[in-house]
Amino acid sequence: MKIFWIIPFFLLQDTEAFLIKNAKFNLCLQASPINRNLLLEDCNPVSDFQDWSWQGNSLVNRGTQNCLSVSGADRVQTSLCASTGYTSWDCSNSLLSPLGTSQSYLVANRKGVTLSGARGLKAQWQDAADRSVCEEKTAKAGHNKYFPAALTSPRVHEHTAGDAILPLGMNQEQLEELLWFFRREDPSAWNYSVLALSLATFILGLVLLTVNIVRNRKRKILVSRNAGQTLLQAELDAKKSLIPVQEYRPAEPPKWDPVLQDQRSGEVVVQWKDGTITSLYTDLSEEAV
């Protein structure tokens, strides 16, 4: 619920502008974007050149950022707010008069506006809601009076006690509740909390960094071991895949039994179990034949 009061407070700076409408002609006071003249035109809430705001006792136009000023005896126009013209106005009973004079008022006519001593409807100025422009000044003054003090002090002014309605429709109880959001007391608790949080964050960062370093080292060691095992296994597989080559030795020529070396060609020799060798066929000599 408090946030609904905080938001309008910050947006109030853009909603202080209002229209200045003449009670007689129902036309709004408009600053000329070309020169410093003032015009009476149909009311247009969208036009910045018809938006005016109270800055102290000065009326400032939003479109030109110039102040409503008096030039000469009865001529009214806009001029720089730092100029020496009449930039301060007194407002009473919907009548606008230069501050310090009480016999001339801002009066509307067919050509525009001027200063005159008349106090009829032509000299009465209202806003878009047909309220006196003096109420706008009072509301602005109340806003400048209560809210800056409320934002810097935990106490409410004495004349706001009771059920008095403050600007934005807040009473004393609501304002006191709102003050908790803007109290400017000793910020030590908040500073210590931020310091503790920063320290905890720093320690957590160190812990995470240490864990990361340890894990990286373990991962490198594991990768190195796996690489060594893989290399050793590859060497073993390479050794197993090699087929041993036997040395070639030519066969030795058969050794002939010396007994058989005396055997003649064509002769059949039989070796018996007892080891005796005899010729199977005995050829007769030619002489015997």
C-alpha atoms as a PDB file:
ATOM      1  CA  MET A   1       0.000   0.000   0.000  1.00  0.00           C
ATOM      2  CA  LYS A   2       2.892   2.343   0.730  1.00  0.00           C
ATOM      3  CA  ILE A   3       4.231   2.062  -2.780  1.00  0.00           C
ATOM      4  CA  PHE A   4       1.100   3.739  -4.119  1.00  0.00           C
ATOM      5  CA  TRP A   5       2.071   6.870  -2.188  1.00  0.00           C
ATOM      6  CA  ILE A   6       5.707   6.776  -3.197  1.00  0.00           C
ATOM      7  CA  ILE A   7       5.017   6.612  -6.925  1.00  0.00           C
ATOM      8  CA  PRO A   8       2.798   9.733  -7.080  1.00  0.00           C
ATOM      9  CA  PHE A   9       5.372  11.616  -5.038  1.00  0.00           C
ATOM     10  CA  PHE A  10       8.070  11.113  -7.641  1.00  0.00           C
ATOM     11  CA  LEU A  11       5.681  11.682 -10.534  1.00  0.00           C
ATOM     12  CA  LEU A  12       4.376  14.889  -9.011  1.00  0.00           C
ATOM     13  CA  GLN A  13       7.109  16.927 -10.614  1.00  0.00           C
ATOM     14  CA  ASP A  14       5.598  16.259 -14.050  1.00  0.00           C
ATOM     15  CA  THR A  15       1.972  16.871 -13.022  1.00  0.00           C
ATOM     16  CA  GLU A  16       2.279  20.380 -11.516  1.00  0.00           C
ATOM     17  CA  ALA A  17       1.533  22.144 -14.798  1.00  0.00           C
ATOM     18  CA  PHE A  18      -2.006  23.460 -15.277  1.00  0.00           C
ATOM     19  CA  LEU A  19      -4.061  25.484 -17.731  1.00  0.00           C
ATOM     20  CA  ILE A  20      -4.889  29.141 -17.108  1.00  0.00           C
ATOM     21  CA  LYS A  21      -8.434  29.659 -18.403  1.00  0.00           C
ATOM     22  CA  ASN A  22     -10.299  32.967 -18.409  1.00  0.00           C
ATOM     23  CA  ALA A  23     -13.673  32.810 -16.658  1.00  0.00           C
ATOM     24  CA  LYS A  24     -15.278  35.185 -19.187  1.00  0.00           C
ATOM     25  CA  PHE A  25     -14.171  33.823 -22.551  1.00  0.00           C
ATOM     26  CA  ASN A  26     -13.402  30.212 -21.533  1.00  0.00           C
ATOM     27  CA  LEU A  27     -10.154  30.470 -23.484  1.00  0.00           C
ATOM     28  CA  CYS A  28      -6.756  29.447 -22.206  1.00  0.00           C
ATOM     29  CA  LEU A  29      -3.651  31.555 -21.935  1.00  0.00           C
ATOM     30  CA  GLN A  30      -1.063  30.386 -24.452  1.00  0.00           C
ATOM     31  CA  ALA A  31       2.527  31.486 -25.003  1.00  0.00           C
ATOM     32  CA  SER A  32       3.500  32.097 -28.598  1.00  0.00           C
ATOM     33  CA  PRO A  33       6.214  29.734 -29.826  1.00  0.00           C
ATOM     34  CA  ILE A  34       7.430  32.399 -32.293  1.00  0.00           C
ATOM     35  CA  ASN A  35       7.713  35.517 -30.166  1.00  0.00           C
ATOM     36  CA  ARG A  36       6.981  36.597 -26.605  1.00  0.00           C
ATOM     37  CA  ASN A  37       3.341  37.462 -27.152  1.00  0.00           C
ATOM     38  CA  LEU A  38       0.475  35.874 -25.246  1.00  0.00           C
ATOM     39  CA  LEU A  39      -2.600  34.475 -26.958  1.00  0.00           C
ATOM     40  CA  LEU A  40      -6.056  33.295 -25.912  1.00  0.00           C
ATOM     41  CA  GLU A  41      -6.831  30.004 -27.634  1.00  0.00           C
ATOM     42  CA  ASP A  42      -9.152  27.073 -27.190  1.00  0.00           C
ATOM     43  CA  CYS A  43      -7.996  24.983 -24.271  1.00  0.00           C
ATOM     44  CA  ASN A  44      -5.749  22.098 -25.266  1.00  0.00           C
ATOM     45  CA  PRO A  45      -4.353  20.057 -22.360  1.00  0.00           C
ATOM     46  CA  VAL A  46      -1.848  18.414 -24.710  1.00  0.00           C
ATOM     47  CA  SER A  47      -0.178  21.673 -25.716  1.00  0.00           C
ATOM     48  CA  ASP A  48       2.945  22.528 -23.723  1.00  0.00           C
ATOM     49  CA  PHE A  49       2.495  26.200 -24.604  1.00  0.00           C
ATOM     50  CA  GLN A  50      -0.710  26.251 -22.535  1.00  0.00           C
ATOM     51  CA  ASP A  51       0.859  24.510 -19.549  1.00  0.00           C
ATOM     52  CA  TRP A  52       1.891  26.799 -16.697  1.00  0.00           C
ATOM     53  CA  SER A  53       3.380  26.059 -13.305  1.00  0.00           C
ATOM     54  CA  TRP A  54       4.106  28.038 -10.177  1.00  0.00           C
ATOM     55  CA  GLN A  55       7.783  28.461  -9.361  1.00  0.00           C
ATOM     56  CA  GLY A  56       7.631  30.442  -6.186  1.00  0.00           C
ATOM     57  CA  ASN A  57       5.713  33.612  -7.187  1.00  0.00           C
ATOM     58  CA  SER A  58       6.518  33.217 -10.897  1.00  0.00           C
ATOM     59  CA  LEU A  59       4.387  31.604 -13.582  1.00  0.00           C
ATOM     60  CA  VAL A  60       6.549  29.536 -15.930  1.00  0.00           C
ATOM     61  CA  ASN A  61       5.401  28.268 -19.314  1.00  0.00           C
ATOM     62  CA  ARG A  62       6.429  24.699 -20.030  1.00  0.00           C
ATOM     63  CA  GLY A  63       6.692  25.149 -23.813  1.00  0.00           C
ATOM     64  CA  THR A  64       8.968  28.202 -23.793  1.00  0.00           C
ATOM     65  CA  GLN A  65      10.428  27.906 -20.287  1.00  0.00           C
ATOM     66  CA  ASN A  66       9.839  31.669 -19.937  1.00  0.00           C
ATOM     67  CA  CYS A  67       8.048  33.522 -17.189  1.00  0.00           C
ATOM     68  CA  LEU A  68       4.891  35.585 -17.371  1.00  0.00           C
ATOM     69  CA  SER A  69       6.161  39.186 -17.154  1.00  0.00           C
ATOM     70  CA  VAL A  70       5.032  42.782 -17.457  1.00  0.00           C
ATOM     71  CA  SER A  71       6.575  44.944 -20.132  1.00  0.00           C
ATOM     72  CA  GLY A  72       5.805  48.651 -20.015  1.00  0.00           C
ATOM     73  CA  ALA A  73       2.727  50.122 -18.365  1.00  0.00           C
ATOM     74  CA  ASP A  74       0.105  47.506 -19.197  1.00  0.00           C
ATOM     75  CA  ARG A  75       1.663  45.079 -21.638  1.00  0.00           C
ATOM     76  CA  VAL A  76       2.050  41.457 -20.576  1.00  0.00           C
ATOM     77  CA  GLN A  77       4.290  38.959 -22.344  1.00  0.00           C
ATOM     78  CA  THR A  78       6.759  36.179 -21.635  1.00  0.00           C
ATOM     79  CA  SER A  79      10.398  36.852 -20.904  1.00  0.00           C
ATOM     80  CA  LEU A  80      13.385  35.137 -19.418  1.00  0.00           C
ATOM     81  CA  CYS A  81      12.846  34.340 -15.790  1.00  0.00           C
ATOM     82  CA  ALA A  82      16.102  36.104 -14.919  1.00  0.00           C
ATOM     83  CA  SER A  83      15.040  39.372 -16.565  1.00  0.00           C
ATOM     84  CA  THR A  84      14.275  42.555 -14.652  1.00  0.00           C
ATOM     85  CA  GLY A  85      10.576  42.616 -15.607  1.00  0.00           C
ATOM     86  CA  TYR A  86       7.714  41.755 -13.317  1.00  0.00           C
ATOM     87  CA  THR A  87       8.127  37.980 -13.027  1.00  0.00           C
ATOM     88  CA  SER A  88       6.450  37.696  -9.631  1.00  0.00           C
ATOM     89  CA  TRP A  89       2.678  37.540  -9.256  1.00  0.00           C
ATOM     90  CA  ASP A  90       0.261  37.751  -6.399  1.00  0.00           C
ATOM     91  CA  CYS A  91      -2.829  35.556  -6.589  1.00  0.00           C
ATOM     92  CA  SER A  92      -6.004  36.189  -4.620  1.00  0.00           C
ATOM     93  CA  ASN A  93      -9.626  35.264  -5.372  1.00  0.00           C
ATOM     94  CA  SER A  94      -8.690  34.067  -8.876  1.00  0.00           C
ATOM     95  CA  LEU A  95      -7.113  37.465  -9.611  1.00  0.00           C
ATOM     96  CA  LEU A  96      -3.523  37.759 -10.791  1.00  0.00           C
ATOM     97  CA  SER A  97      -1.665  40.994 -10.120  1.00  0.00           C
ATOM     98  CA  PRO A  98       2.022  41.908 -10.276  1.00  0.00           C
ATOM     99  CA  LEU A  99       3.590  41.447  -6.887  1.00  0.00           C
ATOM    100  CA  GLY A 100       3.840  44.793  -5.118  1.00  0.00           C
ATOM    101  CA  THR A 101       0.836  46.384  -6.847  1.00  0.00           C
ATOM    102  CA  SER A 102      -2.817  45.949  -5.935  1.00  0.00           C
ATOM    103  CA  GLN A 103      -4.561  48.202  -8.477  1.00  0.00           C
ATOM    104  CA  SER A 104      -3.850  46.367 -11.750  1.00  0.00           C
ATOM    105  CA  TYR A 105      -4.806  42.820 -12.658  1.00  0.00           C
ATOM    106  CA  LEU A 106      -4.257  40.450 -15.527  1.00  0.00           C
ATOM    107  CA  VAL A 107      -7.327  40.944 -17.762  1.00  0.00           C
ATOM    108  CA  ALA A 108      -8.358  39.149 -20.943  1.00  0.00           C
ATOM    109  CA  ASN A 109      -9.628  40.942 -24.058  1.00  0.00           C
ATOM    110  CA  ARG A 110     -10.258  40.109 -27.666  1.00  0.00           C
ATOM    111  CA  LYS A 111      -6.644  40.737 -28.645  1.00  0.00           C
ATOM    112  CA  GLY A 112      -5.036  38.865 -25.782  1.00  0.00           C
ATOM    113  CA  VAL A 113      -4.211  39.908 -22.244  1.00  0.00           C
ATOM    114  CA  THR A 114      -3.272  43.178 -20.597  1.00  0.00           C
ATOM    115  CA  LEU A 115      -3.103  44.879 -17.211  1.00  0.00           C
ATOM    116  CA  SER A 116      -6.197  46.708 -16.037  1.00  0.00           C
ATOM    117  CA  GLY A 117      -7.918  47.796 -12.872  1.00  0.00           C
ATOM    118  CA  ALA A 118     -11.105  45.854 -13.731  1.00  0.00           C
ATOM    119  CA  ARG A 119     -12.024  42.976 -11.414  1.00  0.00           C
ATOM    120  CA  GLY A 120     -14.858  41.283 -13.316  1.00  0.00           C
ATOM    121  CA  LEU A 121     -14.929  37.850 -14.953  1.00  0.00           C
ATOM    122  CA  LYS A 122     -12.343  39.022 -17.470  1.00  0.00           C
ATOM    123  CA  ALA A 123      -9.824  39.242 -14.636  1.00  0.00           C
ATOM    124  CA  GLN A 124     -10.615  35.858 -13.087  1.00  0.00           C
ATOM    125  CA  TRP A 125      -8.442  32.898 -14.045  1.00  0.00           C
ATOM    126  CA  GLN A 126      -9.172  29.232 -13.468  1.00  0.00           C
ATOM    127  CA  ASP A 127      -7.685  25.889 -14.286  1.00  0.00           C
ATOM    128  CA  ALA A 128      -9.200  23.166 -16.485  1.00  0.00           C
ATOM    129  CA  ALA A 129     -11.341  21.983 -13.547  1.00  0.00           C
ATOM    130  CA  ASP A 130     -12.766  25.509 -13.042  1.00  0.00           C
ATOM    131  CA  ARG A 131     -10.796  25.932  -9.831  1.00  0.00           C
ATOM    132  CA  SER A 132      -8.950  29.113  -9.039  1.00  0.00           C
ATOM    133  CA  VAL A 133      -5.324  29.248 -10.144  1.00  0.00           C
ATOM    134  CA  CYS A 134      -4.617  30.419  -6.621  1.00  0.00           C
ATOM    135  CA  GLU A 135      -5.447  26.915  -5.397  1.00  0.00           C
ATOM    136  CA  GLU A 136      -2.724  25.581  -7.670  1.00  0.00           C
ATOM    137  CA  LYS A 137      -0.268  27.931  -6.015  1.00  0.00           C
ATOM    138  CA  THR A 138      -1.447  26.887  -2.538  1.00  0.00           C
ATOM    139  CA  ALA A 139      -1.168  23.203  -3.424  1.00  0.00           C
ATOM    140  CA  LYS A 140       2.330  23.735  -4.832  1.00  0.00           C
ATOM    141  CA  ALA A 141       3.360  25.660  -1.719  1.00  0.00           C
ATOM    142  CA  GLY A 142       1.957  22.895   0.511  1.00  0.00           C
ATOM    143  CA  HIS A 143       3.809  20.280  -1.447  1.00  0.00           C
ATOM    144  CA  ASN A 144       7.087  22.180  -1.158  1.00  0.00           C
ATOM    145  CA  LYS A 145       6.466  22.739   2.545  1.00  0.00           C
ATOM    146  CA  TYR A 146       5.470  19.301   3.785  1.00  0.00           C
ATOM    147  CA  PHE A 147       7.128  16.729   1.602  1.00  0.00           C
ATOM    148  CA  PRO A 148      10.788  17.817   1.667  1.00  0.00           C
ATOM    149  CA  ALA A 149      10.512  18.141   5.454  1.00  0.00           C
ATOM    150  CA  ALA A 150       8.789  14.779   5.673  1.00  0.00           C
ATOM    151  CA  LEU A 151      11.525  13.078   3.691  1.00  0.00           C
ATOM    152  CA  THR A 152      14.292  14.441   5.930  1.00  0.00           C
ATOM    153  CA  SER A 153      12.657  14.291   9.361  1.00  0.00           C
ATOM    154  CA  PRO A 154      10.935  11.431  11.173  1.00  0.00           C
ATOM    155  CA  ARG A 155       8.551  13.882  12.786  1.00  0.00           C
ATOM    156  CA  VAL A 156       5.498  15.644  11.404  1.00  0.00           C
ATOM    157  CA  HIS A 157       4.991  19.370  11.808  1.00  0.00           C
ATOM    158  CA  GLU A 158       2.797  20.313  14.703  1.00  0.00           C
ATOM    159  CA  HIS A 159       0.185  22.022  12.551  1.00  0.00           C
ATOM    160  CA  THR A 160      -0.438  18.750  10.674  1.00  0.00           C
ATOM    161  CA  ALA A 161      -1.590  16.928  13.763  1.00  0.00           C
ATOM    162  CA  GLY A 162      -4.987  15.368  13.958  1.00  0.00           C
ATOM    163  CA  ASP A 163      -6.822  14.251  10.861  1.00  0.00           C
ATOM    164  CA  ALA A 164      -5.688  17.140   8.651  1.00  0.00           C
ATOM    165  CA  ILE A 165      -5.451  16.136   4.996  1.00  0.00           C
ATOM    166  CA  LEU A 166      -2.022  16.709   3.488  1.00  0.00           C
ATOM    167  CA  PRO A 167      -1.178  16.990  -0.222  1.00  0.00           C
ATOM    168  CA  LEU A 168      -1.986  13.849  -2.216  1.00  0.00           C
ATOM    169  CA  GLY A 169      -4.820  13.164   0.273  1.00  0.00           C
ATOM    170  CA  MET A 170      -2.662  11.714   3.042  1.00  0.00           C
ATOM    171  CA  ASN A 171      -3.364  12.237   6.703  1.00  0.00           C
ATOM    172  CA  GLN A 172      -0.859  12.232   9.544  1.00  0.00           C
ATOM    173  CA  GLU A 173      -0.991   8.497  10.157  1.00  0.00           C
ATOM    174  CA  GLN A 174      -0.365   7.671   6.508  1.00  0.00           C
ATOM    175  CA  LEU A 175       2.483  10.164   6.345  1.00  0.00           C
ATOM    176  CA  GLU A 176       4.128   8.698   9.437  1.00  0.00           C
ATOM    177  CA  GLU A 177       3.862   5.259   7.871  1.00  0.00           C
ATOM    178  CA  LEU A 178       5.419   6.568   4.681  1.00  0.00           C
ATOM    179  CA  LEU A 179       8.316   8.098   6.575  1.00  0.00           C
ATOM    180  CA  TRP A 180       9.745   4.648   7.273  1.00  0.00           C
ATOM    181  CA  PHE A 181      10.739   4.503   3.626  1.00  0.00           C
ATOM    182  CA  PHE A 182      12.745   7.711   3.800  1.00  0.00           C
ATOM    183  CA  ARG A 183      14.281   7.714   7.270  1.00  0.00           C
ATOM    184  CA  ARG A 184      17.862   8.942   7.366  1.00  0.00           C
ATOM    185  CA  GLU A 185      19.122   7.548  10.630  1.00  0.00           C
ATOM    186  CA  ASP A 186      22.393   5.816  11.445  1.00  0.00           C
ATOM    187  CA  PRO A 187      23.182   3.557   8.464  1.00  0.00           C
ATOM    188  CA  SER A 188      25.668   1.451  10.447  1.00  0.00           C
ATOM    189  CA  ALA A 189      23.485  -1.666  10.418  1.00  0.00           C
ATOM    190  CA  TRP A 190      23.083  -1.474   6.673  1.00  0.00           C
ATOM    191  CA  ASN A 191      26.810  -0.812   6.170  1.00  0.00           C
ATOM    192  CA  TYR A 192      27.760  -3.747   8.368  1.00  0.00           C
ATOM    193  CA  SER A 193      25.320  -5.980   6.517  1.00  0.00           C
ATOM    194  CA  VAL A 194      26.804  -5.005   3.168  1.00  0.00           C
ATOM    195  CA  LEU A 195      30.325  -5.534   4.544  1.00  0.00           C
ATOM    196  CA  ALA A 196      29.433  -8.979   5.870  1.00  0.00           C
ATOM    197  CA  LEU A 197      27.802  -9.899   2.584  1.00  0.00           C
ATOM    198  CA  SER A 198      30.870  -8.734   0.668  1.00  0.00           C
ATOM    199  CA  LEU A 199      33.159 -10.750   2.949  1.00  0.00           C
ATOM    200  CA  ALA A 200      31.013 -13.854   2.580  1.00  0.00           C
ATOM    201  CA  THR A 201      31.042 -13.435  -1.185  1.00  0.00           C
ATOM    202  CA  PHE A 202      34.821 -13.063  -1.167  1.00  0.00           C
ATOM    203  CA  ILE A 203      35.287 -16.212   0.915  1.00  0.00           C
ATOM    204  CA  LEU A 204      32.900 -18.158  -1.292  1.00  0.00           C
ATOM    205  CA  GLY A 205      34.863 -17.023  -4.330  1.00  0.00           C
ATOM    206  CA  LEU A 206      38.125 -18.235  -2.785  1.00  0.00           C
ATOM    207  CA  VAL A 207      36.576 -21.611  -1.931  1.00  0.00           C
ATOM    208  CA  LEU A 208      35.263 -22.065  -5.442  1.00  0.00           C
ATOM    209  CA  LEU A 209      38.642 -21.064  -6.878  1.00  0.00           C
ATOM    210  CA  THR A 210      40.466 -23.596  -4.663  1.00  0.00           C
ATOM    211  CA  VAL A 211      38.059 -26.385  -5.548  1.00  0.00           C
ATOM    212  CA  ASN A 212      38.456 -25.590  -9.229  1.00  0.00           C
ATOM    213  CA  ILE A 213      42.264 -25.679  -8.997  1.00  0.00           C
ATOM    214  CA  VAL A 214      42.245 -29.037  -7.152  1.00  0.00           C
ATOM    215  CA  ARG A 215      39.857 -30.570  -9.665  1.00  0.00           C
ATOM    216  CA  ASN A 216      41.964 -29.375 -12.568  1.00  0.00           C
ATOM    217  CA  ARG A 217      45.078 -30.937 -11.054  1.00  0.00           C
ATOM    218  CA  LYS A 218      43.304 -34.249 -10.451  1.00  0.00           C
ATOM    219  CA  ARG A 219      41.975 -34.222 -13.962  1.00  0.00           C
ATOM    220  CA  LYS A 220      45.445 -33.605 -15.401  1.00  0.00           C
ATOM    221  CA  ILE A 221      46.933 -36.456 -13.290  1.00  0.00           C
ATOM    222  CA  LEU A 222      44.168 -38.837 -14.376  1.00  0.00           C
ATOM    223  CA  VAL A 223      44.631 -37.910 -18.013  1.00  0.00           C
ATOM    224  CA  SER A 224      48.400 -38.455 -17.688  1.00  0.00           C
ATOM    225  CA  ARG A 225      47.909 -41.904 -16.118  1.00  0.00           C
ATOM    226  CA  ASN A 226      45.421 -42.944 -18.764  1.00  0.00           C
ATOM    227  CA  ALA A 227      47.817 -41.788 -21.462  1.00  0.00           C
ATOM    228  CA  GLY A 228      50.659 -43.856 -19.924  1.00  0.00           C
ATOM    229  CA  GLN A 229      48.515 -46.969 -19.654  1.00  0.00           C
ATOM    230  CA  THR A 230      47.335 -46.540 -23.201  1.00  0.00           C
ATOM    231  CA  LEU A 231      50.909 -46.220 -24.467  1.00  0.00           C
ATOM    232  CA  LEU A 232      52.032 -49.341 -22.533  1.00  0.00           C
ATOM    233  CA  GLN A 233      49.109 -51.350 -23.849  1.00  0.00           C
ATOM    234  CA  ALA A 234      49.910 -50.237 -27.366  1.00  0.00           C
ATOM    235  CA  GLU A 235      53.496 -51.412 -26.975  1.00  0.00           C
ATOM    236  CA  LEU A 236      52.325 -54.789 -25.675  1.00  0.00           C
ATOM    237  CA  ASP A 237      49.901 -55.191 -28.541  1.00  0.00           C
ATOM    238  CA  ALA A 238      52.652 -54.308 -30.989  1.00  0.00           C
ATOM    239  CA  LYS A 239      54.954 -56.927 -29.502  1.00  0.00           C
ATOM    240  CA  LYS A 240      52.238 -59.598 -29.606  1.00  0.00           C
ATOM    241  CA  SER A 241      51.506 -58.845 -33.215  1.00  0.00           C
ATOM    242  CA  LEU A 242      55.121 -59.616 -34.214  1.00  0.00           C
ATOM    243  CA  ILE A 243      55.569 -63.252 -35.519  1.00  0.00           C
ATOM    244  CA  PRO A 244      58.970 -64.792 -34.565  1.00  0.00           C
ATOM    245  CA  VAL A 245      61.015 -65.771 -37.620  1.00  0.00           C
ATOM    246  CA  GLN A 246      62.913 -69.061 -37.270  1.00  0.00           C
ATOM    247  CA  GLU A 247      66.440 -69.273 -38.594  1.00  0.00           C
ATOM    248  CA  TYR A 248      66.682 -71.174 -41.842  1.00  0.00           C
ATOM    249  CA  ARG A 249      69.107 -74.005 -41.760  1.00  0.00           C
ATOM    250  CA  PRO A 250      69.578 -76.174 -44.876  1.00  0.00           C
ATOM    251  CA  ALA A 251      69.153 -79.884 -44.308  1.00  0.00           C
ATOM    252  CA  GLU A 252      72.344 -81.818 -43.884  1.00  0.00           C
ATOM    253  CA  PRO A 253      72.985 -84.426 -46.545  1.00  0.00           C
ATOM    254  CA  PRO A 254      72.235 -87.940 -45.340  1.00  0.00           C
ATOM    255  CA  LYS A 255      75.146 -89.844 -44.125  1.00  0.00           C
ATOM    256  CA  TRP A 256      75.643 -93.163 -45.800  1.00  0.00           C
ATOM    257  CA  ASP A 257      76.550 -96.175 -43.879  1.00  0.00           C
ATOM    258  CA  PRO A 258      80.164 -97.012 -44.709  1.00  0.00           C
ATOM    259  CA  VAL A 259      79.145-100.558 -45.175  1.00  0.00           C
ATOM    260  CA  LEU A 260      76.646 -99.498 -47.756  1.00  0.00           C
ATOM    261  CA  GLN A 261      79.132 -97.270 -49.515  1.00  0.00           C
ATOM    262  CA  ASP A 262      80.797-100.409 -50.911  1.00  0.00           C
ATOM    263  CA  GLN A 263      77.555-101.507 -52.434  1.00  0.00           C
ATOM    264  CA  ARG A 264      77.614-101.683 -56.091  1.00  0.00           C
ATOM    265  CA  SER A 265      75.006-100.294 -58.288  1.00  0.00           C
ATOM    266  CA  GLY A 266      72.194-102.642 -59.078  1.00  0.00           C
ATOM    267  CA  GLU A 267      72.954-104.765 -56.064  1.00  0.00           C
ATOM    268  CA  VAL A 268      70.205-105.430 -53.519  1.00  0.00           C
ATOM    269  CA  VAL A 269      71.463-105.539 -49.996  1.00  0.00           C
ATOM    270  CA  VAL A 270      69.548-106.877 -47.003  1.00  0.00           C
ATOM    271  CA  GLN A 271      70.462-106.126 -43.453  1.00  0.00           C
ATOM    272  CA  TRP A 272      69.311-108.747 -41.039  1.00  0.00           C
ATOM    273  CA  LYS A 273      68.257-108.468 -37.455  1.00  0.00           C
ATOM    274  CA  ASP A 274      71.525-109.634 -36.178  1.00  0.00           C
ATOM    275  CA  GLY A 275      73.199-106.840 -38.056  1.00  0.00           C
ATOM    276  CA  THR A 276      74.692-108.831 -40.863  1.00  0.00           C
ATOM    277  CA  ILE A 277      74.343-107.452 -44.317  1.00  0.00           C
ATOM    278  CA  THR A 278      74.169-109.726 -47.251  1.00  0.00           C
ATOM    279  CA  SER A 279      73.478-109.263 -50.866  1.00  0.00           C
ATOM    280  CA  LEU A 280      70.126-110.546 -51.981  1.00  0.00           C
ATOM    281  CA  TYR A 281      71.333-111.621 -55.342  1.00  0.00           C
ATOM    282  CA  THR A 282      74.794-112.764 -55.949  1.00  0.00           C
ATOM    283  CA  ASP A 283      75.944-112.142 -59.496  1.00  0.00           C
ATOM    284  CA  LEU A 284      78.091-114.772 -60.940  1.00  0.00           C
ATOM    285  CA  SER A 285      81.292-113.646 -62.362  1.00  0.00           C
ATOM    286  CA  GLU A 286      81.806-113.886 -66.090  1.00  0.00           C
ATOM    287  CA  GLU A 287      84.647-116.284 -65.542  1.00  0.00           C
ATOM    288  CA  ALA A 288      82.363-118.652 -63.656  1.00  0.00           C
ATOM    289  CA  VAL A 289      79.918-118.629 -66.492  1.00  0.00           C
END
